[in-house]
Amino acid sequence: MNLNSKKYLGRIEEVINKAEAGKVYPVYMFIGDRPIIHPQINKLIDCLIQEEARDFNFEVLSPDSFSEGRLLELLSTKGFLPGRKVVLIQDLPLLVSSDTAKTRWKKALAAIASDDNDRAMELTSRIFADLNIDPEELKGLSPGRIKDVLNWPGDLSIESLSEFLEVHSGDMKSIEPINTGSGDRLLAWLAQRADPSLAIIIIESETVDKRCSLYKELKKYGPVVDLDREKKDRKGGANFAMSLIRSLLRESGKEADNKAVKAIMDRVGHKDPVGLKMEIQKLVTQAGDRVRIKAEDVCELVVRHRDEELYNLTNAMGEKDPGSCLNSLNYIMDQGIHPLAILKTIANFLRKMIILRAIFEYEAGIKAFKNLRYEIFRDQILPEIKENMLDDAPDILKGHPYTLYKLGLQAYGFDLSQMLIFLASLAEADLKFKGGRISHRVLLETLVFRFISME
């Protein structure tokens, strides 16, 4: 049976209720982002194994340690205590293929975009292991060359991954690929010996190839709880997100009115269940003993998103990307961030650009930034600049080398004298904002497009 994301919350309760009543299956499959599906798996495990037997009759197989032989050995070995054996398989390698590469990369890029470095490293390390590639080998390669090496999906941007690897490739866990098998031995075992009173398999996978024969056969042995965030049904996704919000609040002993739920949806969207869960946790913590969550509570969380959203705007301005600038600006304005706070952020970003442009122009030479590789900047140029400036080095040079590198690349595309003129004009813009005669949105859009038009 296949439980898709539209009916996920109701049907997962059905699966757990059946397990509590003694109706269990030899195989359970959970598909989706781990932070969302793992809590549901824990609920199921609580139904399948007594707490005192958990340490003895429960086993976890990670992708690093999985093989069919190892799995069958665990299934065939009786637990130390009476009762069934439960084996949790995380990201079963037999269920991924080249056809799932795009979805897996999209999940990794989403983790990078949200600055969830631990999750991004976990996802990318697994992919690199499956490709038998050491991420260190990609350091210093151009984005185009990295695309070739990874056989990168044509409609995905490689830039954020390339930047991520420059900083984190050395921190990634090295995973050796192993001979996992074909799945034939597992299916033979299920056909001959499947008995949920003795052993149960739970499969927890971020992504699966639903066209592979193993997936189709495993579905015959138990429920598939599918929470794949890549589903195309936007209306269904929105309905699911609203149900998820209410369910998470209910589990925490809270409730929310319709305005509060809508406010959460407006700010987080319906495509990111992990993000929704994080925001609900913040709301629950903020509410304390109070049961009801109000729209006003949600609005207070805007401050927590503010730095990230403002960074997205200034980064798009530095890249001279008008489309991204407009999207970020509209989102920020809709979030209720005060226009003067946005103006201040733009001014601070411009000041940093001016300082770096001046430093690089008179110390290393701004032309040095053309096609400059990060490791050369980090290991040679930046230390030399700091040494030459000694005690006169501005505080901005204390920032992370990669942040300075990225900002230096952006500064390369702007003229120093034009930036100084633009900075001086911001005082006049401030007066217009306070005058209130012109729409703040219009003023900000005009300001942003003037900024990216500077040569």
Protein backbone atom coordinates (compact mmCIF):
# COMPACT_ATOMS: atom_id res chain seq x y z
CA MET A 1 0.00 0.00 0.00
CA ASN A 2 1.30 3.45 -0.85
CA LEU A 3 0.56 6.39 1.46
CA ASN A 4 1.25 9.61 -0.41
CA SER A 5 1.95 13.01 1.12
CA LYS A 6 -1.66 14.28 0.79
CA LYS A 7 -2.92 11.67 3.23
CA TYR A 8 0.32 11.24 5.13
CA LEU A 9 -0.72 12.54 8.53
CA GLY A 10 -3.93 10.56 8.72
CA ARG A 11 -2.54 7.36 7.28
CA ILE A 12 0.65 7.33 9.36
CA GLU A 13 -1.59 7.44 12.42
CA GLU A 14 -3.46 4.51 10.91
CA VAL A 15 -0.22 2.53 10.48
CA ILE A 16 0.87 3.25 14.05
CA ASN A 17 -2.59 2.50 15.47
CA LYS A 18 -2.56 -0.87 13.68
CA ALA A 19 0.88 -1.63 15.09
CA GLU A 20 -0.35 -0.77 18.58
CA ALA A 21 -3.26 -3.17 18.04
CA GLY A 22 -0.90 -5.95 16.93
CA LYS A 23 -1.34 -5.64 13.14
CA VAL A 24 2.25 -5.49 11.90
CA TYR A 25 4.04 -6.09 8.60
CA PRO A 26 7.41 -7.60 7.64
CA VAL A 27 8.53 -4.39 5.89
CA TYR A 28 7.83 -0.67 6.41
CA MET A 29 9.20 2.02 4.09
CA PHE A 30 9.42 5.72 4.98
CA ILE A 31 10.47 8.11 2.20
CA GLY A 32 11.35 11.78 2.72
CA ASP A 33 13.63 14.18 4.57
CA ARG A 34 15.01 12.55 7.69
CA PRO A 35 14.05 15.33 10.18
CA ILE A 36 10.40 14.79 9.22
CA ILE A 37 10.13 11.01 8.85
CA HIS A 38 12.44 9.97 11.68
CA PRO A 39 10.10 11.03 14.54
CA GLN A 40 7.32 8.95 12.93
CA ILE A 41 9.64 5.95 12.70
CA ASN A 42 10.44 6.31 16.39
CA LYS A 43 6.71 6.16 17.17
CA LEU A 44 6.43 2.96 15.17
CA ILE A 45 9.47 1.42 16.87
CA ASP A 46 7.90 2.18 20.26
CA CYS A 47 4.95 0.04 19.16
CA LEU A 48 7.11 -2.81 17.87
CA ILE A 49 9.65 -3.24 20.69
CA GLN A 50 9.34 -3.03 24.44
CA GLU A 51 11.50 -0.22 25.84
CA GLU A 52 13.56 -2.62 27.96
CA ALA A 53 14.39 -4.66 24.82
CA ARG A 54 15.33 -1.69 22.64
CA ASP A 55 19.07 -1.96 23.32
CA PHE A 56 19.12 -5.68 22.53
CA ASN A 57 16.55 -6.37 19.79
CA PHE A 58 16.96 -3.24 17.67
CA GLU A 59 19.69 -2.75 15.04
CA VAL A 60 20.54 0.13 12.69
CA LEU A 61 22.25 -0.35 9.32
CA SER A 62 23.68 2.85 7.85
CA PRO A 63 24.62 3.10 4.15
CA ASP A 64 28.28 2.72 5.16
CA SER A 65 27.74 -0.66 6.81
CA PHE A 66 24.95 -2.11 4.67
CA SER A 67 25.24 -5.31 2.70
CA GLU A 68 22.67 -7.98 1.99
CA GLY A 69 24.75 -10.50 3.89
CA ARG A 70 24.94 -8.31 6.97
CA LEU A 71 21.17 -7.59 6.82
CA LEU A 72 20.24 -11.27 6.53
CA GLU A 73 22.61 -12.11 9.37
CA LEU A 74 20.85 -9.59 11.65
CA LEU A 75 17.39 -10.78 10.62
CA SER A 76 18.26 -14.42 11.22
CA THR A 77 19.87 -13.86 14.62
CA LYS A 78 17.47 -13.92 17.54
CA GLY A 79 17.44 -10.93 19.83
CA PHE A 80 19.05 -11.17 23.23
CA LEU A 81 15.64 -10.73 24.88
CA PRO A 82 12.36 -12.44 23.92
CA GLY A 83 10.36 -10.72 21.20
CA ARG A 84 10.81 -9.69 17.59
CA LYS A 85 13.96 -8.26 16.05
CA VAL A 86 13.68 -4.88 14.29
CA VAL A 87 16.29 -3.69 11.81
CA LEU A 88 16.25 -0.06 10.63
CA ILE A 89 18.00 0.48 7.28
CA GLN A 90 18.92 4.09 6.58
CA ASP A 91 19.09 5.17 2.92
CA LEU A 92 19.07 1.65 1.50
CA PRO A 93 21.68 1.80 -1.31
CA LEU A 94 19.75 -0.76 -3.38
CA LEU A 95 16.89 1.72 -3.86
CA VAL A 96 18.92 4.54 -5.44
CA SER A 97 20.10 4.79 -9.02
CA SER A 98 21.36 7.30 -11.54
CA ASP A 99 17.73 8.32 -12.03
CA THR A 100 17.56 9.61 -8.44
CA ALA A 101 20.71 11.77 -8.75
CA LYS A 102 18.85 15.00 -9.50
CA THR A 103 16.52 14.67 -6.52
CA ARG A 104 19.44 13.86 -4.20
CA TRP A 105 21.41 16.87 -5.43
CA LYS A 106 18.37 19.11 -4.97
CA LYS A 107 18.12 18.02 -1.35
CA ALA A 108 21.82 18.77 -0.86
CA LEU A 109 21.47 22.21 -2.48
CA ALA A 110 18.48 22.98 -0.25
CA ALA A 111 20.57 22.14 2.82
CA ILE A 112 23.39 24.38 1.55
CA ALA A 113 20.96 27.23 0.89
CA SER A 114 19.59 27.01 4.44
CA ASP A 115 23.13 26.98 5.93
CA ASP A 116 22.52 23.52 7.41
CA ASN A 117 26.14 22.48 6.94
CA ASP A 118 25.90 19.20 8.88
CA ARG A 119 23.03 17.95 6.76
CA ALA A 120 24.63 19.23 3.55
CA MET A 121 27.87 17.39 4.34
CA GLU A 122 25.96 14.20 5.18
CA LEU A 123 24.04 14.28 1.88
CA THR A 124 26.96 15.25 -0.34
CA SER A 125 29.33 12.75 1.32
CA ARG A 126 26.89 9.95 0.59
CA ILE A 127 26.50 11.00 -3.06
CA PHE A 128 30.26 11.31 -3.55
CA ALA A 129 30.74 7.86 -2.02
CA ASP A 130 28.20 6.36 -4.42
CA LEU A 131 30.02 8.08 -7.30
CA ASN A 132 33.38 6.89 -5.92
CA ILE A 133 34.68 10.49 -5.96
CA ASP A 134 36.81 12.21 -3.32
CA PRO A 135 35.42 15.78 -2.91
CA GLU A 136 39.00 17.01 -2.39
CA GLU A 137 39.60 16.16 -6.05
CA LEU A 138 37.15 18.89 -7.04
CA LYS A 139 38.89 21.71 -5.16
CA GLY A 140 40.17 24.35 -7.55
CA LEU A 141 38.12 23.10 -10.49
CA SER A 142 35.91 25.54 -12.33
CA PRO A 143 32.14 25.10 -11.94
CA GLY A 144 32.02 23.92 -15.55
CA ARG A 145 34.61 21.25 -14.92
CA ILE A 146 32.82 20.12 -11.74
CA LYS A 147 29.65 19.72 -13.81
CA ASP A 148 31.49 17.42 -16.18
CA VAL A 149 32.96 15.29 -13.39
CA LEU A 150 29.61 14.89 -11.60
CA ASN A 151 27.50 14.54 -14.75
CA TRP A 152 25.50 17.40 -13.27
CA PRO A 153 21.77 17.81 -14.09
CA GLY A 154 21.52 20.53 -16.73
CA ASP A 155 18.72 22.53 -15.09
CA LEU A 156 20.37 22.86 -11.65
CA SER A 157 22.84 25.60 -10.69
CA ILE A 158 26.27 24.32 -9.65
CA GLU A 159 27.45 27.57 -8.04
CA SER A 160 26.32 27.00 -4.45
CA LEU A 161 27.76 23.47 -4.44
CA SER A 162 31.05 24.73 -5.88
CA GLU A 163 31.26 27.40 -3.17
CA PHE A 164 30.32 24.88 -0.48
CA LEU A 165 33.05 22.49 -1.57
CA GLU A 166 35.69 25.22 -1.49
CA VAL A 167 35.01 25.70 2.21
CA HIS A 168 33.91 22.27 3.44
CA SER A 169 35.38 19.58 1.19
CA GLY A 170 38.16 18.86 3.69
CA ASP A 171 35.62 18.36 6.50
CA MET A 172 33.53 15.78 4.68
CA LYS A 173 33.44 12.24 5.92
CA SER A 174 35.21 9.79 3.63
CA ILE A 175 32.89 6.88 2.86
CA GLU A 176 34.22 3.82 1.10
CA PRO A 177 31.82 2.27 -1.42
CA ILE A 178 30.99 -1.37 -0.65
CA ASN A 179 29.43 -4.28 -2.47
CA THR A 180 25.85 -4.02 -1.25
CA GLY A 181 24.34 -6.79 -3.37
CA SER A 182 21.43 -6.85 -5.82
CA GLY A 183 18.42 -7.30 -3.54
CA ASP A 184 17.72 -10.85 -4.77
CA ARG A 185 18.83 -12.46 -1.49
CA LEU A 186 16.64 -10.08 0.53
CA LEU A 187 13.57 -10.86 -1.61
CA ALA A 188 14.27 -14.59 -1.37
CA TRP A 189 14.45 -14.32 2.43
CA LEU A 190 11.16 -12.41 2.55
CA ALA A 191 9.45 -14.93 0.28
CA GLN A 192 10.53 -17.87 2.42
CA ARG A 193 10.79 -16.56 5.97
CA ALA A 194 8.90 -13.27 6.32
CA ASP A 195 7.27 -13.36 9.77
CA PRO A 196 6.66 -10.02 11.52
CA SER A 197 6.38 -11.82 14.85
CA LEU A 198 10.08 -12.68 14.51
CA ALA A 199 11.70 -9.89 12.47
CA ILE A 200 10.69 -6.57 10.90
CA ILE A 201 12.57 -4.36 8.46
CA ILE A 202 12.08 -0.58 8.52
CA ILE A 203 13.56 1.30 5.57
CA GLU A 204 14.23 5.03 6.04
CA SER A 205 15.27 6.68 2.76
CA GLU A 206 15.62 10.28 1.67
CA THR A 207 15.11 9.26 -1.98
CA VAL A 208 14.24 6.07 -3.82
CA ASP A 209 13.95 5.04 -7.45
CA LYS A 210 10.31 4.00 -7.54
CA ARG A 211 10.75 2.36 -10.92
CA CYS A 212 13.25 -0.23 -9.72
CA SER A 213 12.00 -3.79 -9.31
CA LEU A 214 13.18 -4.07 -5.68
CA TYR A 215 11.00 -1.12 -4.62
CA LYS A 216 7.97 -2.62 -6.36
CA GLU A 217 8.54 -5.98 -4.67
CA LEU A 218 9.12 -4.52 -1.20
CA LYS A 219 5.80 -2.66 -1.44
CA LYS A 220 4.05 -6.04 -1.40
CA TYR A 221 5.29 -6.73 2.13
CA GLY A 222 4.04 -3.65 3.94
CA PRO A 223 3.11 0.07 3.89
CA VAL A 224 5.06 2.80 2.14
CA VAL A 225 4.81 6.18 3.88
CA ASP A 226 5.83 8.64 1.18
CA LEU A 227 6.68 12.21 2.18
CA ASP A 228 8.73 13.17 -0.84
CA ARG A 229 9.01 16.97 -0.89
CA GLU A 230 9.66 16.89 -4.64
CA LYS A 231 6.03 16.04 -5.41
CA LYS A 232 4.50 18.19 -8.16
CA ASP A 233 1.01 18.61 -6.67
CA ARG A 234 1.23 22.16 -5.34
CA LYS A 235 -2.31 22.28 -3.98
CA GLY A 236 -1.85 18.96 -2.26
CA GLY A 237 1.48 20.17 -0.90
CA ALA A 238 -0.19 23.23 0.61
CA ASN A 239 -2.93 21.13 2.16
CA PHE A 240 -0.36 18.75 3.57
CA ALA A 241 1.70 21.63 5.01
CA MET A 242 -1.33 23.06 6.80
CA SER A 243 -2.15 19.62 8.24
CA LEU A 244 1.48 19.19 9.26
CA ILE A 245 1.48 22.54 11.08
CA ARG A 246 -1.62 21.65 13.08
CA SER A 247 -0.36 18.14 13.80
CA LEU A 248 3.02 19.38 15.09
CA LEU A 249 1.30 21.95 17.28
CA ARG A 250 -1.13 19.35 18.60
CA GLU A 251 1.73 16.97 19.48
CA SER A 252 3.29 19.80 21.51
CA GLY A 253 0.03 20.50 23.32
CA LYS A 254 -0.62 23.70 21.36
CA GLU A 255 -3.23 24.96 18.91
CA ALA A 256 -3.37 27.84 16.45
CA ASP A 257 -6.08 29.92 14.84
CA ASN A 258 -6.45 30.13 11.05
CA LYS A 259 -4.64 33.46 10.86
CA ALA A 260 -1.60 32.01 12.63
CA VAL A 261 -1.47 28.98 10.33
CA LYS A 262 -1.77 31.21 7.27
CA ALA A 263 0.99 33.46 8.60
CA ILE A 264 3.30 30.47 9.00
CA MET A 265 2.50 29.33 5.45
CA ASP A 266 3.15 32.82 4.07
CA ARG A 267 6.54 33.04 5.72
CA VAL A 268 7.87 29.52 5.30
CA GLY A 269 5.90 28.18 2.34
CA HIS A 270 4.60 24.67 1.83
CA LYS A 271 7.58 23.10 0.06
CA ASP A 272 9.85 22.80 3.10
CA PRO A 273 8.45 20.49 5.81
CA VAL A 274 11.77 20.56 7.66
CA GLY A 275 11.63 24.36 7.81
CA LEU A 276 8.03 24.22 8.99
CA LYS A 277 8.98 21.87 11.80
CA MET A 278 11.81 24.17 12.93
CA GLU A 279 9.51 27.20 13.01
CA ILE A 280 6.84 25.31 14.95
CA GLN A 281 9.45 24.34 17.53
CA LYS A 282 10.38 28.01 17.90
CA LEU A 283 6.74 28.99 18.31
CA VAL A 284 6.14 26.29 20.91
CA THR A 285 9.19 27.37 22.91
CA GLN A 286 8.19 31.02 22.67
CA ALA A 287 4.62 30.32 23.81
CA GLY A 288 5.73 28.70 27.08
CA ASP A 289 2.70 27.60 29.09
CA ARG A 290 0.27 29.37 26.78
CA VAL A 291 -1.73 26.88 24.69
CA ARG A 292 -2.93 29.05 21.81
CA ILE A 293 -0.55 30.36 19.12
CA LYS A 294 -1.63 33.63 17.53
CA ALA A 295 -0.69 35.38 14.29
CA GLU A 296 1.13 38.01 16.36
CA ASP A 297 3.43 35.27 17.72
CA VAL A 298 4.30 34.22 14.19
CA CYS A 299 5.13 37.79 13.18
CA GLU A 300 7.71 37.98 15.95
CA LEU A 301 9.64 35.17 14.24
CA VAL A 302 10.30 37.45 11.27
CA VAL A 303 13.24 38.83 13.21
CA ARG A 304 14.80 35.36 13.26
CA HIS A 305 14.64 35.21 9.44
CA ARG A 306 15.73 38.77 8.94
CA ASP A 307 19.48 38.37 8.64
CA GLU A 308 19.19 35.50 6.18
CA GLU A 309 16.66 37.26 3.96
CA LEU A 310 18.58 40.53 3.96
CA TYR A 311 21.74 38.61 3.07
CA ASN A 312 19.93 37.08 0.08
CA LEU A 313 19.03 40.57 -1.10
CA THR A 314 22.52 42.06 -0.79
CA ASN A 315 24.09 38.98 -2.34
CA ALA A 316 21.80 39.32 -5.36
CA MET A 317 22.73 43.00 -5.57
CA GLY A 318 26.42 42.13 -5.51
CA GLU A 319 25.83 39.61 -8.29
CA LYS A 320 23.88 42.24 -10.28
CA ASP A 321 20.96 39.84 -10.64
CA PRO A 322 17.83 41.98 -11.09
CA GLY A 323 15.39 39.07 -11.00
CA SER A 324 16.72 37.69 -7.71
CA CYS A 325 16.90 41.22 -6.28
CA LEU A 326 13.24 41.82 -7.01
CA ASN A 327 12.18 38.45 -5.63
CA SER A 328 14.17 38.94 -2.41
CA LEU A 329 12.96 42.49 -1.96
CA ASN A 330 9.31 41.52 -2.43
CA TYR A 331 9.69 38.68 0.05
CA ILE A 332 11.34 40.93 2.64
CA MET A 333 8.70 43.62 2.27
CA ASP A 334 5.93 41.05 2.59
CA GLN A 335 7.60 39.78 5.78
CA GLY A 336 7.10 43.21 7.33
CA ILE A 337 10.75 44.19 7.73
CA HIS A 338 10.92 47.97 8.07
CA PRO A 339 12.14 49.80 4.92
CA LEU A 340 14.70 51.79 6.94
CA ALA A 341 16.21 48.51 8.19
CA ILE A 342 16.53 47.40 4.56
CA LEU A 343 18.12 50.73 3.63
CA LYS A 344 20.59 50.40 6.50
CA THR A 345 21.53 46.89 5.37
CA ILE A 346 22.16 48.09 1.81
CA ALA A 347 24.30 50.95 3.14
CA ASN A 348 26.37 48.60 5.33
CA PHE A 349 26.85 46.21 2.42
CA LEU A 350 27.97 49.07 0.22
CA ARG A 351 30.46 50.29 2.85
CA LYS A 352 32.01 46.82 3.03
CA MET A 353 32.24 46.72 -0.75
CA ILE A 354 33.95 50.11 -0.79
CA ILE A 355 36.45 49.15 1.92
CA LEU A 356 37.35 45.86 0.22
CA ARG A 357 37.52 47.46 -3.21
CA ALA A 358 39.91 50.12 -1.85
CA ILE A 359 42.05 47.54 -0.02
CA PHE A 360 42.33 45.21 -2.98
CA GLU A 361 42.87 48.06 -5.42
CA TYR A 362 45.82 49.52 -3.54
CA GLU A 363 47.22 46.38 -1.89
CA ALA A 364 46.85 43.34 -4.14
CA GLY A 365 45.47 45.08 -7.19
CA ILE A 366 41.78 44.69 -8.00
CA LYS A 367 42.61 42.96 -11.29
CA ALA A 368 44.04 40.10 -9.27
CA PHE A 369 40.46 39.07 -8.54
CA LYS A 370 39.69 38.21 -12.15
CA ASN A 371 39.41 34.39 -12.28
CA LEU A 372 41.02 34.21 -8.83
CA ARG A 373 40.77 30.83 -7.09
CA TYR A 374 39.67 30.76 -3.48
CA GLU A 375 42.66 28.82 -2.14
CA ILE A 376 45.11 31.33 -3.67
CA PHE A 377 43.20 34.20 -2.06
CA ARG A 378 43.05 32.39 1.29
CA ASP A 379 46.63 31.14 1.41
CA GLN A 380 48.52 33.92 -0.36
CA ILE A 381 46.74 37.20 -1.04
CA LEU A 382 44.78 37.69 2.20
CA PRO A 383 47.72 36.88 4.55
CA GLU A 384 49.92 39.25 2.56
CA ILE A 385 47.37 42.06 2.80
CA LYS A 386 47.02 41.59 6.57
CA GLU A 387 50.79 41.57 7.02
CA ASN A 388 51.24 44.76 4.99
CA MET A 389 48.49 46.63 6.84
CA LEU A 390 49.56 45.50 10.34
CA ASP A 391 47.62 47.46 12.98
CA ASP A 392 45.82 49.51 10.34
CA ALA A 393 43.84 46.53 9.06
CA PRO A 394 40.08 47.22 9.28
CA ASP A 395 37.81 44.90 11.24
CA ILE A 396 36.26 43.59 8.04
CA LEU A 397 39.46 41.62 7.35
CA LYS A 398 38.78 39.57 10.49
CA GLY A 399 35.86 37.92 8.73
CA HIS A 400 35.86 34.43 7.26
CA PRO A 401 38.23 34.23 4.26
CA TYR A 402 35.54 32.83 2.00
CA THR A 403 33.13 35.65 2.86
CA LEU A 404 35.84 38.17 1.98
CA TYR A 405 36.66 36.25 -1.19
CA LYS A 406 33.03 36.27 -2.33
CA LEU A 407 32.61 39.95 -1.50
CA GLY A 408 35.88 40.72 -3.30
CA LEU A 409 34.63 39.01 -6.45
CA GLN A 410 31.47 41.10 -6.30
CA ALA A 411 33.43 44.32 -5.66
CA TYR A 412 35.44 43.58 -8.79
CA GLY A 413 32.36 44.42 -10.85
CA PHE A 414 31.85 47.89 -9.33
CA ASP A 415 33.75 51.14 -9.79
CA LEU A 416 35.08 52.64 -6.54
CA SER A 417 34.23 56.25 -7.39
CA GLN A 418 30.69 55.29 -8.44
CA MET A 419 30.17 53.42 -5.17
CA LEU A 420 31.30 56.46 -3.17
CA ILE A 421 28.85 58.69 -5.08
CA PHE A 422 26.05 56.18 -4.50
CA LEU A 423 26.84 55.99 -0.78
CA ALA A 424 26.57 59.76 -0.49
CA SER A 425 23.16 59.65 -2.22
CA LEU A 426 21.76 57.32 0.46
CA ALA A 427 21.33 60.27 2.81
CA GLU A 428 18.85 61.77 0.35
CA ALA A 429 17.12 58.39 0.04
CA ASP A 430 16.76 58.28 3.82
CA LEU A 431 14.90 61.59 3.78
CA LYS A 432 12.54 60.33 1.06
CA PHE A 433 11.73 57.28 3.15
CA LYS A 434 10.92 59.44 6.16
CA GLY A 435 8.94 61.91 4.04
CA GLY A 436 6.34 59.28 3.22
CA ARG A 437 5.18 60.80 -0.09
CA ILE A 438 6.38 57.91 -2.27
CA SER A 439 5.71 54.21 -1.76
CA HIS A 440 8.52 52.61 0.20
CA ARG A 441 8.44 49.62 -2.13
CA VAL A 442 8.92 51.87 -5.17
CA LEU A 443 11.77 53.73 -3.46
CA LEU A 444 13.54 50.48 -2.57
CA GLU A 445 13.09 48.97 -6.02
CA THR A 446 14.50 52.14 -7.59
CA LEU A 447 17.42 52.13 -5.15
CA VAL A 448 18.25 48.48 -5.83
CA PHE A 449 18.18 48.88 -9.60
CA ARG A 450 20.34 51.99 -9.37
CA PHE A 451 22.81 49.96 -7.30
CA ILE A 452 23.14 47.08 -9.76
CA SER A 453 23.42 49.54 -12.66
CA MET A 454 26.66 50.98 -11.29
CA GLU A 455 29.69 50.19 -13.47
